[in-house]
Amino acid sequence: MIEKHQTRFEGFDAKILSMYALGMTVRDIQSHLREMYCVDVSPGLISEVTDSIQDEVKAWQDRPLEALYPIVYLDALMVKMRQDGKVDNRAVYTAIGINMEGEKAVLGLWVSGNEGAKYWMAVLTNLKNRGMKDAFVICTDGLKGFPEAIEAVFPETLVETCIVHLIRASLNYVNWKERKAIAADLKPIYRAATAETAELALHAFRAKYPKHQVVADVWARSWQRVIPFFEFPEEIRRIVYTTNAVESLHMTLRKVTKNRGSFSSQEAAIKLLYLALLNVSKKWHTVQNWREALRQFSIRWPERIEQARGA
């Protein structure tokens, strides 16, 4: 959800922005307007219209946040853009928060040379400076140093490694013929009722696959960041099981950037991504089973909820 920052443009400008948000190039937009409306529009006018939202983008990036987002998903998307005279893959950091009403919101977009825990700390500090005081669970992809960066800014937050990322990382060490069987034998680990049962399942996996100890090692290395998952009932597990919320968003954003070999600047990239977010967020609904999940959070952390409400 793009909170309270729906674009103000109407009429012809809105048509140009709508086409631009779908990833259409300037040439595509010119061709479409010529075909549909018999209007010739210069590249300069299209640029002028798209540049006119820069203040809106800045206001959105700097907007105040809610005090508490019970669940936050963090991930990065690689986008080609020009920097210092050359084109590089740069990381666009994305944060999605679920608020107390179960509504998803993109909390911001940030750009850096590559994904790293140090820059993630800067992102988290930005969220805190804009009013976000707490998060019960932050879901990540297991990047080295990432949990420590989160805990430095939000010390009470549980950091949960995305289970789906762990499954994918595990199967990277397995040939195609064995993947189906090994994926099935990983299920008793992450579907276990308790952390103790999960650990027994991991030992059983090691015993069954002596040639695939590296697969079990993937889980063992991340174990302290997997354990929080088993503290929760099913209502919450379904929500924190995966970072699919942000991965699905990134898939949509890749579709609108694929027509462009690269962006002329960081500002140009963020401008298009923001317009794309306006489109995709209109289709978002309240998170499924949120009422049950919130009830569990209220039982576990009533004082933190009250503190956020009084912020």
C-alpha atoms as a PDB file:
ATOM      1  CA  MET A   1       0.000   0.000   0.000  1.00  0.00           C
ATOM      2  CA  ILE A   2       1.290   3.454  -0.869  1.00  0.00           C
ATOM      3  CA  GLU A   3      -0.147   5.155   2.196  1.00  0.00           C
ATOM      4  CA  LYS A   4      -1.827   8.514   1.516  1.00  0.00           C
ATOM      5  CA  HIS A   5       0.406   9.225  -1.423  1.00  0.00           C
ATOM      6  CA  GLN A   6      -1.742   8.344  -4.420  1.00  0.00           C
ATOM      7  CA  THR A   7      -0.589  10.288  -7.447  1.00  0.00           C
ATOM      8  CA  ARG A   8      -2.429  13.573  -7.959  1.00  0.00           C
ATOM      9  CA  PHE A   9      -2.119  13.699 -11.724  1.00  0.00           C
ATOM     10  CA  GLU A  10      -5.141  13.462 -13.991  1.00  0.00           C
ATOM     11  CA  GLY A  11      -5.982  13.414 -17.674  1.00  0.00           C
ATOM     12  CA  PHE A  12      -3.225  13.212 -20.254  1.00  0.00           C
ATOM     13  CA  ASP A  13      -0.381  13.321 -17.733  1.00  0.00           C
ATOM     14  CA  ALA A  14      -1.979  10.409 -15.855  1.00  0.00           C
ATOM     15  CA  LYS A  15      -2.071   8.353 -19.066  1.00  0.00           C
ATOM     16  CA  ILE A  16       1.645   8.925 -19.611  1.00  0.00           C
ATOM     17  CA  LEU A  17       2.456   8.031 -15.992  1.00  0.00           C
ATOM     18  CA  SER A  18       0.278   4.923 -16.180  1.00  0.00           C
ATOM     19  CA  MET A  19       2.104   3.656 -19.276  1.00  0.00           C
ATOM     20  CA  TYR A  20       5.474   4.514 -17.781  1.00  0.00           C
ATOM     21  CA  ALA A  21       4.555   2.583 -14.619  1.00  0.00           C
ATOM     22  CA  LEU A  22       3.979  -0.528 -16.726  1.00  0.00           C
ATOM     23  CA  GLY A  23       7.581  -0.375 -17.903  1.00  0.00           C
ATOM     24  CA  MET A  24       6.885   1.110 -21.339  1.00  0.00           C
ATOM     25  CA  THR A  25       9.826   2.982 -22.809  1.00  0.00           C
ATOM     26  CA  VAL A  26       9.566   6.541 -24.131  1.00  0.00           C
ATOM     27  CA  ARG A  27       9.382   5.145 -27.674  1.00  0.00           C
ATOM     28  CA  ASP A  28       6.614   2.726 -26.625  1.00  0.00           C
ATOM     29  CA  ILE A  29       4.624   5.562 -25.079  1.00  0.00           C
ATOM     30  CA  GLN A  30       5.028   7.736 -28.176  1.00  0.00           C
ATOM     31  CA  SER A  31       3.844   4.912 -30.415  1.00  0.00           C
ATOM     32  CA  HIS A  32       0.859   4.087 -28.215  1.00  0.00           C
ATOM     33  CA  LEU A  33      -0.325   7.707 -27.971  1.00  0.00           C
ATOM     34  CA  ARG A  34       0.056   8.135 -31.724  1.00  0.00           C
ATOM     35  CA  GLU A  35      -1.951   4.971 -32.410  1.00  0.00           C
ATOM     36  CA  MET A  36      -4.693   5.478 -29.818  1.00  0.00           C
ATOM     37  CA  TYR A  37      -5.103   9.268 -29.804  1.00  0.00           C
ATOM     38  CA  CYS A  38      -3.411  10.446 -33.012  1.00  0.00           C
ATOM     39  CA  VAL A  39      -1.159  12.628 -30.875  1.00  0.00           C
ATOM     40  CA  ASP A  40       2.568  13.122 -31.367  1.00  0.00           C
ATOM     41  CA  VAL A  41       4.350  13.607 -28.062  1.00  0.00           C
ATOM     42  CA  SER A  42       8.016  14.526 -27.797  1.00  0.00           C
ATOM     43  CA  PRO A  43      10.463  12.614 -25.558  1.00  0.00           C
ATOM     44  CA  GLY A  44      11.026  15.893 -23.716  1.00  0.00           C
ATOM     45  CA  LEU A  45       7.360  16.173 -22.745  1.00  0.00           C
ATOM     46  CA  ILE A  46       7.269  12.568 -21.517  1.00  0.00           C
ATOM     47  CA  SER A  47      10.364  13.187 -19.409  1.00  0.00           C
ATOM     48  CA  GLU A  48       8.839  16.394 -18.063  1.00  0.00           C
ATOM     49  CA  VAL A  49       5.683  14.547 -16.996  1.00  0.00           C
ATOM     50  CA  THR A  50       7.541  11.659 -15.341  1.00  0.00           C
ATOM     51  CA  ASP A  51      10.002  14.029 -13.652  1.00  0.00           C
ATOM     52  CA  SER A  52       7.088  15.954 -12.173  1.00  0.00           C
ATOM     53  CA  ILE A  53       6.504  13.212  -9.603  1.00  0.00           C
ATOM     54  CA  GLN A  54       9.955  13.561  -8.007  1.00  0.00           C
ATOM     55  CA  ASP A  55       8.601  15.661  -5.135  1.00  0.00           C
ATOM     56  CA  GLU A  56       5.886  13.085  -4.577  1.00  0.00           C
ATOM     57  CA  VAL A  57       8.456  10.280  -4.471  1.00  0.00           C
ATOM     58  CA  LYS A  58      10.570  12.246  -1.983  1.00  0.00           C
ATOM     59  CA  ALA A  59       7.545  12.867   0.250  1.00  0.00           C
ATOM     60  CA  TRP A  60       6.711   9.163   0.160  1.00  0.00           C
ATOM     61  CA  GLN A  61      10.280   8.156   1.014  1.00  0.00           C
ATOM     62  CA  ASP A  62      10.355  10.550   3.986  1.00  0.00           C
ATOM     63  CA  ARG A  63       6.804   9.987   5.282  1.00  0.00           C
ATOM     64  CA  PRO A  64       6.283   9.134   8.978  1.00  0.00           C
ATOM     65  CA  LEU A  65       5.761   5.441   9.743  1.00  0.00           C
ATOM     66  CA  GLU A  66       3.559   3.672  12.255  1.00  0.00           C
ATOM     67  CA  ALA A  67       5.155   2.888  15.616  1.00  0.00           C
ATOM     68  CA  LEU A  68       4.675  -0.874  15.304  1.00  0.00           C
ATOM     69  CA  TYR A  69       4.728  -3.241  12.350  1.00  0.00           C
ATOM     70  CA  PRO A  70       4.292  -6.730  13.863  1.00  0.00           C
ATOM     71  CA  ILE A  71       5.974  -8.363  10.857  1.00  0.00           C
ATOM     72  CA  VAL A  72       8.508  -6.848   8.448  1.00  0.00           C
ATOM     73  CA  TYR A  73      10.076  -8.476   5.391  1.00  0.00           C
ATOM     74  CA  LEU A  74      13.449  -7.272   4.110  1.00  0.00           C
ATOM     75  CA  ASP A  75      15.118  -8.159   0.815  1.00  0.00           C
ATOM     76  CA  ALA A  76      17.042  -6.532  -2.045  1.00  0.00           C
ATOM     77  CA  LEU A  77      16.462  -6.362  -5.803  1.00  0.00           C
ATOM     78  CA  MET A  78      19.327  -5.897  -8.261  1.00  0.00           C
ATOM     79  CA  VAL A  79      18.754  -3.224 -10.926  1.00  0.00           C
ATOM     80  CA  LYS A  80      21.122  -1.965 -13.636  1.00  0.00           C
ATOM     81  CA  MET A  81      21.714   1.764 -13.413  1.00  0.00           C
ATOM     82  CA  ARG A  82      24.373   4.264 -14.391  1.00  0.00           C
ATOM     83  CA  GLN A  83      26.645   5.497 -11.642  1.00  0.00           C
ATOM     84  CA  ASP A  84      29.847   7.548 -12.049  1.00  0.00           C
ATOM     85  CA  GLY A  85      29.817   7.115 -15.818  1.00  0.00           C
ATOM     86  CA  LYS A  86      29.379   3.328 -15.926  1.00  0.00           C
ATOM     87  CA  VAL A  87      26.482   0.876 -15.700  1.00  0.00           C
ATOM     88  CA  ASP A  88      26.449  -1.433 -12.683  1.00  0.00           C
ATOM     89  CA  ASN A  89      24.077  -3.777 -10.931  1.00  0.00           C
ATOM     90  CA  ARG A  90      22.982  -1.898  -7.832  1.00  0.00           C
ATOM     91  CA  ALA A  91      20.934  -3.174  -4.920  1.00  0.00           C
ATOM     92  CA  VAL A  92      17.498  -1.663  -4.334  1.00  0.00           C
ATOM     93  CA  TYR A  93      16.657  -2.432  -0.714  1.00  0.00           C
ATOM     94  CA  THR A  94      12.981  -3.083  -0.053  1.00  0.00           C
ATOM     95  CA  ALA A  95      11.056  -3.220   3.232  1.00  0.00           C
ATOM     96  CA  ILE A  96       7.458  -4.409   3.506  1.00  0.00           C
ATOM     97  CA  GLY A  97       5.675  -4.002   6.812  1.00  0.00           C
ATOM     98  CA  ILE A  98       2.407  -5.524   8.002  1.00  0.00           C
ATOM     99  CA  ASN A  99       0.627  -3.098  10.310  1.00  0.00           C
ATOM    100  CA  MET A 100      -1.746  -3.812  13.190  1.00  0.00           C
ATOM    101  CA  GLU A 101      -4.688  -4.004  10.788  1.00  0.00           C
ATOM    102  CA  GLY A 102      -2.972  -6.683   8.705  1.00  0.00           C
ATOM    103  CA  GLU A 103      -2.329  -4.316   5.787  1.00  0.00           C
ATOM    104  CA  LYS A 104       0.888  -4.552   3.787  1.00  0.00           C
ATOM    105  CA  ALA A 105       2.837  -1.394   3.043  1.00  0.00           C
ATOM    106  CA  VAL A 106       6.137  -0.762   1.292  1.00  0.00           C
ATOM    107  CA  LEU A 107       8.062   1.231   3.879  1.00  0.00           C
ATOM    108  CA  GLY A 108      10.664   2.520   1.452  1.00  0.00           C
ATOM    109  CA  LEU A 109      13.202   1.922  -1.302  1.00  0.00           C
ATOM    110  CA  TRP A 110      16.928   2.523  -0.873  1.00  0.00           C
ATOM    111  CA  VAL A 111      19.849   2.091  -3.291  1.00  0.00           C
ATOM    112  CA  SER A 112      23.413   0.929  -2.661  1.00  0.00           C
ATOM    113  CA  GLY A 113      26.259  -0.584  -4.668  1.00  0.00           C
ATOM    114  CA  ASN A 114      25.543  -4.111  -3.442  1.00  0.00           C
ATOM    115  CA  GLU A 115      23.590  -5.889  -0.743  1.00  0.00           C
ATOM    116  CA  GLY A 116      25.354  -5.901   2.601  1.00  0.00           C
ATOM    117  CA  ALA A 117      24.595  -5.953   6.314  1.00  0.00           C
ATOM    118  CA  LYS A 118      26.237  -2.549   6.863  1.00  0.00           C
ATOM    119  CA  TYR A 119      23.866  -0.781   4.487  1.00  0.00           C
ATOM    120  CA  TRP A 120      20.904  -2.705   5.879  1.00  0.00           C
ATOM    121  CA  MET A 121      21.711  -1.114   9.249  1.00  0.00           C
ATOM    122  CA  ALA A 122      21.408   2.305   7.600  1.00  0.00           C
ATOM    123  CA  VAL A 123      18.016   1.254   6.166  1.00  0.00           C
ATOM    124  CA  LEU A 124      16.808   0.080   9.572  1.00  0.00           C
ATOM    125  CA  THR A 125      18.014   3.311  11.186  1.00  0.00           C
ATOM    126  CA  ASN A 126      16.047   5.269   8.584  1.00  0.00           C
ATOM    127  CA  LEU A 127      12.901   3.305   9.485  1.00  0.00           C
ATOM    128  CA  LYS A 128      13.452   4.050  13.170  1.00  0.00           C
ATOM    129  CA  ASN A 129      14.086   7.749  12.538  1.00  0.00           C
ATOM    130  CA  ARG A 130      10.800   7.943  10.646  1.00  0.00           C
ATOM    131  CA  GLY A 131       8.830   6.648  13.634  1.00  0.00           C
ATOM    132  CA  MET A 132       8.964   2.844  13.513  1.00  0.00           C
ATOM    133  CA  LYS A 133       9.735   1.878  17.103  1.00  0.00           C
ATOM    134  CA  ASP A 134       9.206  -1.868  17.062  1.00  0.00           C
ATOM    135  CA  ALA A 135       8.654  -5.048  15.060  1.00  0.00           C
ATOM    136  CA  PHE A 136       7.873  -8.438  16.559  1.00  0.00           C
ATOM    137  CA  VAL A 137       9.422 -10.451  13.731  1.00  0.00           C
ATOM    138  CA  ILE A 138      11.677  -9.412  10.855  1.00  0.00           C
ATOM    139  CA  CYS A 139      12.045 -12.009   8.095  1.00  0.00           C
ATOM    140  CA  THR A 140      15.248 -12.086   6.044  1.00  0.00           C
ATOM    141  CA  ASP A 141      17.083 -14.246   3.521  1.00  0.00           C
ATOM    142  CA  GLY A 142      19.954 -15.194   5.850  1.00  0.00           C
ATOM    143  CA  LEU A 143      22.549 -12.715   4.566  1.00  0.00           C
ATOM    144  CA  LYS A 144      25.675 -12.855   6.730  1.00  0.00           C
ATOM    145  CA  GLY A 145      25.673 -10.171   9.407  1.00  0.00           C
ATOM    146  CA  PHE A 146      22.065  -9.225   8.682  1.00  0.00           C
ATOM    147  CA  PRO A 147      20.574 -10.488  11.991  1.00  0.00           C
ATOM    148  CA  GLU A 148      23.189  -8.605  13.998  1.00  0.00           C
ATOM    149  CA  ALA A 149      22.407  -5.417  12.073  1.00  0.00           C
ATOM    150  CA  ILE A 150      18.701  -5.814  12.850  1.00  0.00           C
ATOM    151  CA  GLU A 151      19.292  -6.508  16.528  1.00  0.00           C
ATOM    152  CA  ALA A 152      21.541  -3.454  16.832  1.00  0.00           C
ATOM    153  CA  VAL A 153      18.631  -1.201  15.827  1.00  0.00           C
ATOM    154  CA  PHE A 154      15.656  -3.246  17.109  1.00  0.00           C
ATOM    155  CA  PRO A 155      17.036  -5.313  20.023  1.00  0.00           C
ATOM    156  CA  GLU A 156      13.679  -6.848  21.039  1.00  0.00           C
ATOM    157  CA  THR A 157      12.844  -8.100  17.545  1.00  0.00           C
ATOM    158  CA  LEU A 158      13.000 -11.780  16.628  1.00  0.00           C
ATOM    159  CA  VAL A 159      14.980 -12.309  13.424  1.00  0.00           C
ATOM    160  CA  GLU A 160      13.621 -15.201  11.362  1.00  0.00           C
ATOM    161  CA  THR A 161      15.479 -16.685   8.408  1.00  0.00           C
ATOM    162  CA  CYS A 162      13.117 -17.394   5.541  1.00  0.00           C
ATOM    163  CA  ILE A 163      12.461 -21.156   5.508  1.00  0.00           C
ATOM    164  CA  VAL A 164      11.979 -21.147   1.740  1.00  0.00           C
ATOM    165  CA  HIS A 165      15.423 -19.568   1.270  1.00  0.00           C
ATOM    166  CA  LEU A 166      16.924 -22.332   3.406  1.00  0.00           C
ATOM    167  CA  ILE A 167      15.198 -25.012   1.339  1.00  0.00           C
ATOM    168  CA  ARG A 168      16.491 -23.457  -1.883  1.00  0.00           C
ATOM    169  CA  ALA A 169      20.004 -23.094  -0.471  1.00  0.00           C
ATOM    170  CA  SER A 170      19.919 -26.750   0.609  1.00  0.00           C
ATOM    171  CA  LEU A 171      18.805 -28.037  -2.767  1.00  0.00           C
ATOM    172  CA  ASN A 172      21.578 -26.114  -4.535  1.00  0.00           C
ATOM    173  CA  TYR A 173      23.917 -28.891  -3.356  1.00  0.00           C
ATOM    174  CA  VAL A 174      21.716 -31.697  -4.725  1.00  0.00           C
ATOM    175  CA  ASN A 175      21.478 -33.039  -8.279  1.00  0.00           C
ATOM    176  CA  TRP A 176      18.137 -32.866 -10.070  1.00  0.00           C
ATOM    177  CA  LYS A 177      17.375 -36.579  -9.706  1.00  0.00           C
ATOM    178  CA  GLU A 178      17.588 -36.439  -5.907  1.00  0.00           C
ATOM    179  CA  ARG A 179      15.945 -33.103  -5.269  1.00  0.00           C
ATOM    180  CA  LYS A 180      12.378 -34.346  -4.950  1.00  0.00           C
ATOM    181  CA  ALA A 181      13.276 -37.028  -2.374  1.00  0.00           C
ATOM    182  CA  ILE A 182      15.520 -34.738  -0.335  1.00  0.00           C
ATOM    183  CA  ALA A 183      12.979 -31.899  -0.387  1.00  0.00           C
ATOM    184  CA  ALA A 184      10.410 -34.327   1.031  1.00  0.00           C
ATOM    185  CA  ASP A 185      12.815 -35.431   3.784  1.00  0.00           C
ATOM    186  CA  LEU A 186      13.479 -31.821   4.782  1.00  0.00           C
ATOM    187  CA  LYS A 187       9.785 -31.287   5.585  1.00  0.00           C
ATOM    188  CA  PRO A 188       9.891 -33.013   9.009  1.00  0.00           C
ATOM    189  CA  ILE A 189      12.467 -30.400  10.045  1.00  0.00           C
ATOM    190  CA  TYR A 190      10.518 -27.235   9.315  1.00  0.00           C
ATOM    191  CA  ARG A 191       7.090 -28.750   9.945  1.00  0.00           C
ATOM    192  CA  ALA A 192       8.035 -29.994  13.404  1.00  0.00           C
ATOM    193  CA  ALA A 193       5.866 -28.983  16.346  1.00  0.00           C
ATOM    194  CA  THR A 194       8.808 -27.854  18.494  1.00  0.00           C
ATOM    195  CA  ALA A 195      12.458 -26.864  18.124  1.00  0.00           C
ATOM    196  CA  GLU A 196      13.463 -30.080  19.892  1.00  0.00           C
ATOM    197  CA  THR A 197      11.501 -32.234  17.441  1.00  0.00           C
ATOM    198  CA  ALA A 198      12.984 -30.261  14.552  1.00  0.00           C
ATOM    199  CA  GLU A 199      16.498 -30.892  15.826  1.00  0.00           C
ATOM    200  CA  LEU A 200      15.791 -34.626  16.040  1.00  0.00           C
ATOM    201  CA  ALA A 201      14.509 -34.510  12.449  1.00  0.00           C
ATOM    202  CA  LEU A 202      17.725 -32.786  11.377  1.00  0.00           C
ATOM    203  CA  HIS A 203      19.788 -35.551  13.035  1.00  0.00           C
ATOM    204  CA  ALA A 204      17.634 -38.159  11.294  1.00  0.00           C
ATOM    205  CA  PHE A 205      18.270 -36.429   7.964  1.00  0.00           C
ATOM    206  CA  ARG A 206      22.027 -36.562   8.566  1.00  0.00           C
ATOM    207  CA  ALA A 207      21.830 -40.270   9.324  1.00  0.00           C
ATOM    208  CA  LYS A 208      19.784 -40.999   6.201  1.00  0.00           C
ATOM    209  CA  TYR A 209      21.986 -38.961   3.820  1.00  0.00           C
ATOM    210  CA  PRO A 210      25.655 -39.395   4.805  1.00  0.00           C
ATOM    211  CA  LYS A 211      26.706 -38.113   1.370  1.00  0.00           C
ATOM    212  CA  HIS A 212      24.691 -34.928   1.789  1.00  0.00           C
ATOM    213  CA  GLN A 213      25.989 -33.572   5.073  1.00  0.00           C
ATOM    214  CA  VAL A 214      26.432 -30.195   3.395  1.00  0.00           C
ATOM    215  CA  VAL A 215      22.640 -29.969   3.082  1.00  0.00           C
ATOM    216  CA  ALA A 216      22.205 -30.494   6.805  1.00  0.00           C
ATOM    217  CA  ASP A 217      25.021 -28.019   7.424  1.00  0.00           C
ATOM    218  CA  VAL A 218      23.001 -25.294   5.697  1.00  0.00           C
ATOM    219  CA  TRP A 219      20.320 -25.723   8.366  1.00  0.00           C
ATOM    220  CA  ALA A 220      22.795 -26.153  11.224  1.00  0.00           C
ATOM    221  CA  ARG A 221      24.581 -22.882  10.417  1.00  0.00           C
ATOM    222  CA  SER A 222      21.274 -20.990  10.491  1.00  0.00           C
ATOM    223  CA  TRP A 223      19.728 -22.938  13.360  1.00  0.00           C
ATOM    224  CA  GLN A 224      19.648 -20.085  15.887  1.00  0.00           C
ATOM    225  CA  ARG A 225      17.731 -18.022  13.315  1.00  0.00           C
ATOM    226  CA  VAL A 226      15.346 -20.888  12.529  1.00  0.00           C
ATOM    227  CA  ILE A 227      14.419 -21.657  16.142  1.00  0.00           C
ATOM    228  CA  PRO A 228      12.138 -18.582  16.605  1.00  0.00           C
ATOM    229  CA  PHE A 229       9.855 -20.104  13.975  1.00  0.00           C
ATOM    230  CA  PHE A 230       8.976 -22.993  16.315  1.00  0.00           C
ATOM    231  CA  GLU A 231       7.892 -20.642  19.093  1.00  0.00           C
ATOM    232  CA  PHE A 232       4.831 -19.655  17.108  1.00  0.00           C
ATOM    233  CA  PRO A 233       1.493 -21.361  16.505  1.00  0.00           C
ATOM    234  CA  GLU A 234       0.331 -22.203  13.010  1.00  0.00           C
ATOM    235  CA  GLU A 235      -1.444 -18.860  12.535  1.00  0.00           C
ATOM    236  CA  ILE A 236       1.843 -16.967  12.730  1.00  0.00           C
ATOM    237  CA  ARG A 237       4.028 -19.643  11.134  1.00  0.00           C
ATOM    238  CA  ARG A 238       2.076 -19.352   7.887  1.00  0.00           C
ATOM    239  CA  ILE A 239       2.926 -15.641   7.711  1.00  0.00           C
ATOM    240  CA  VAL A 240       6.626 -15.750   8.708  1.00  0.00           C
ATOM    241  CA  TYR A 241       7.412 -18.986   6.848  1.00  0.00           C
ATOM    242  CA  THR A 242       8.675 -17.127   3.811  1.00  0.00           C
ATOM    243  CA  THR A 243       9.631 -13.713   2.459  1.00  0.00           C
ATOM    244  CA  ASN A 244       7.314 -14.376  -0.502  1.00  0.00           C
ATOM    245  CA  ALA A 245       5.562 -11.054   0.126  1.00  0.00           C
ATOM    246  CA  VAL A 246       8.658  -9.115  -0.879  1.00  0.00           C
ATOM    247  CA  GLU A 247       9.807 -11.693  -3.446  1.00  0.00           C
ATOM    248  CA  SER A 248       6.439 -11.461  -5.196  1.00  0.00           C
ATOM    249  CA  LEU A 249       6.776  -7.681  -5.225  1.00  0.00           C
ATOM    250  CA  HIS A 250      10.260  -7.964  -6.708  1.00  0.00           C
ATOM    251  CA  MET A 251       8.944 -10.261  -9.439  1.00  0.00           C
ATOM    252  CA  THR A 252       6.441  -7.570 -10.403  1.00  0.00           C
ATOM    253  CA  LEU A 253       9.103  -4.861 -10.342  1.00  0.00           C
ATOM    254  CA  ARG A 254      11.399  -6.952 -12.564  1.00  0.00           C
ATOM    255  CA  LYS A 255       8.619  -7.139 -15.150  1.00  0.00           C
ATOM    256  CA  VAL A 256       8.473  -3.351 -15.419  1.00  0.00           C
ATOM    257  CA  THR A 257      12.243  -2.924 -15.557  1.00  0.00           C
ATOM    258  CA  LYS A 258      13.028  -5.695 -18.052  1.00  0.00           C
ATOM    259  CA  ASN A 259      12.422  -3.478 -21.118  1.00  0.00           C
ATOM    260  CA  ARG A 260      15.218  -1.164 -20.049  1.00  0.00           C
ATOM    261  CA  GLY A 261      18.820  -2.168 -20.468  1.00  0.00           C
ATOM    262  CA  SER A 262      19.690   0.176 -17.628  1.00  0.00           C
ATOM    263  CA  PHE A 263      18.550   3.373 -15.938  1.00  0.00           C
ATOM    264  CA  SER A 264      20.290   6.680 -16.521  1.00  0.00           C
ATOM    265  CA  SER A 265      20.448   7.358 -12.786  1.00  0.00           C
ATOM    266  CA  GLN A 266      19.361   6.162  -9.374  1.00  0.00           C
ATOM    267  CA  GLU A 267      16.570   8.750  -9.401  1.00  0.00           C
ATOM    268  CA  ALA A 268      15.219   7.419 -12.704  1.00  0.00           C
ATOM    269  CA  ALA A 269      15.113   3.873 -11.312  1.00  0.00           C
ATOM    270  CA  ILE A 270      13.335   4.868  -8.102  1.00  0.00           C
ATOM    271  CA  LYS A 271      10.853   6.980 -10.062  1.00  0.00           C
ATOM    272  CA  LEU A 272       9.741   3.990 -12.147  1.00  0.00           C
ATOM    273  CA  LEU A 273       9.720   1.595  -9.189  1.00  0.00           C
ATOM    274  CA  TYR A 274       7.553   4.009  -7.205  1.00  0.00           C
ATOM    275  CA  LEU A 275       5.014   4.272 -10.027  1.00  0.00           C
ATOM    276  CA  ALA A 276       4.981   0.476 -10.315  1.00  0.00           C
ATOM    277  CA  LEU A 277       4.321   0.237  -6.568  1.00  0.00           C
ATOM    278  CA  LEU A 278       1.304   2.514  -6.966  1.00  0.00           C
ATOM    279  CA  ASN A 279      -0.162  -0.034  -9.370  1.00  0.00           C
ATOM    280  CA  VAL A 280       0.637  -3.236  -7.519  1.00  0.00           C
ATOM    281  CA  SER A 281      -0.385  -2.010  -4.056  1.00  0.00           C
ATOM    282  CA  LYS A 282      -3.945  -1.384  -5.272  1.00  0.00           C
ATOM    283  CA  LYS A 283      -4.378  -5.164  -5.497  1.00  0.00           C
ATOM    284  CA  TRP A 284      -3.155  -5.924  -1.989  1.00  0.00           C
ATOM    285  CA  HIS A 285      -5.584  -7.203   0.617  1.00  0.00           C
ATOM    286  CA  THR A 286      -5.463  -7.772   4.351  1.00  0.00           C
ATOM    287  CA  VAL A 287      -3.138 -10.663   5.205  1.00  0.00           C
ATOM    288  CA  GLN A 288      -5.017 -13.949   5.428  1.00  0.00           C
ATOM    289  CA  ASN A 289      -5.631 -15.246   8.975  1.00  0.00           C
ATOM    290  CA  TRP A 290      -4.375 -11.944  10.394  1.00  0.00           C
ATOM    291  CA  ARG A 291      -7.006 -11.761  13.137  1.00  0.00           C
ATOM    292  CA  GLU A 292      -5.766 -15.056  14.615  1.00  0.00           C
ATOM    293  CA  ALA A 293      -2.116 -14.002  14.291  1.00  0.00           C
ATOM    294  CA  LEU A 294      -2.783 -10.669  16.013  1.00  0.00           C
ATOM    295  CA  ARG A 295      -4.527 -12.464  18.850  1.00  0.00           C
ATOM    296  CA  GLN A 296      -1.394 -14.540  19.402  1.00  0.00           C
ATOM    297  CA  PHE A 297       0.820 -11.438  19.303  1.00  0.00           C
ATOM    298  CA  SER A 298      -1.477  -9.746  21.831  1.00  0.00           C
ATOM    299  CA  ILE A 299      -1.058 -12.658  24.233  1.00  0.00           C
ATOM    300  CA  ARG A 300       2.725 -12.752  23.838  1.00  0.00           C
ATOM    301  CA  TRP A 301       3.597  -9.060  23.809  1.00  0.00           C
ATOM    302  CA  PRO A 302       0.665  -7.029  25.251  1.00  0.00           C
ATOM    303  CA  GLU A 303       2.968  -4.397  26.776  1.00  0.00           C
ATOM    304  CA  ARG A 304       4.734  -3.738  23.469  1.00  0.00           C
ATOM    305  CA  ILE A 305       1.382  -3.307  21.721  1.00  0.00           C
ATOM    306  CA  GLU A 306       0.214  -0.864  24.385  1.00  0.00           C
ATOM    307  CA  GLN A 307       3.488   1.023  24.176  1.00  0.00           C
ATOM    308  CA  ALA A 308       3.136   1.353  20.383  1.00  0.00           C
ATOM    309  CA  ARG A 309      -0.449   2.561  20.705  1.00  0.00           C
ATOM    310  CA  GLY A 310       0.665   5.233  23.134  1.00  0.00           C
ATOM    311  CA  ALA A 311       3.560   6.383  20.929  1.00  0.00           C
END
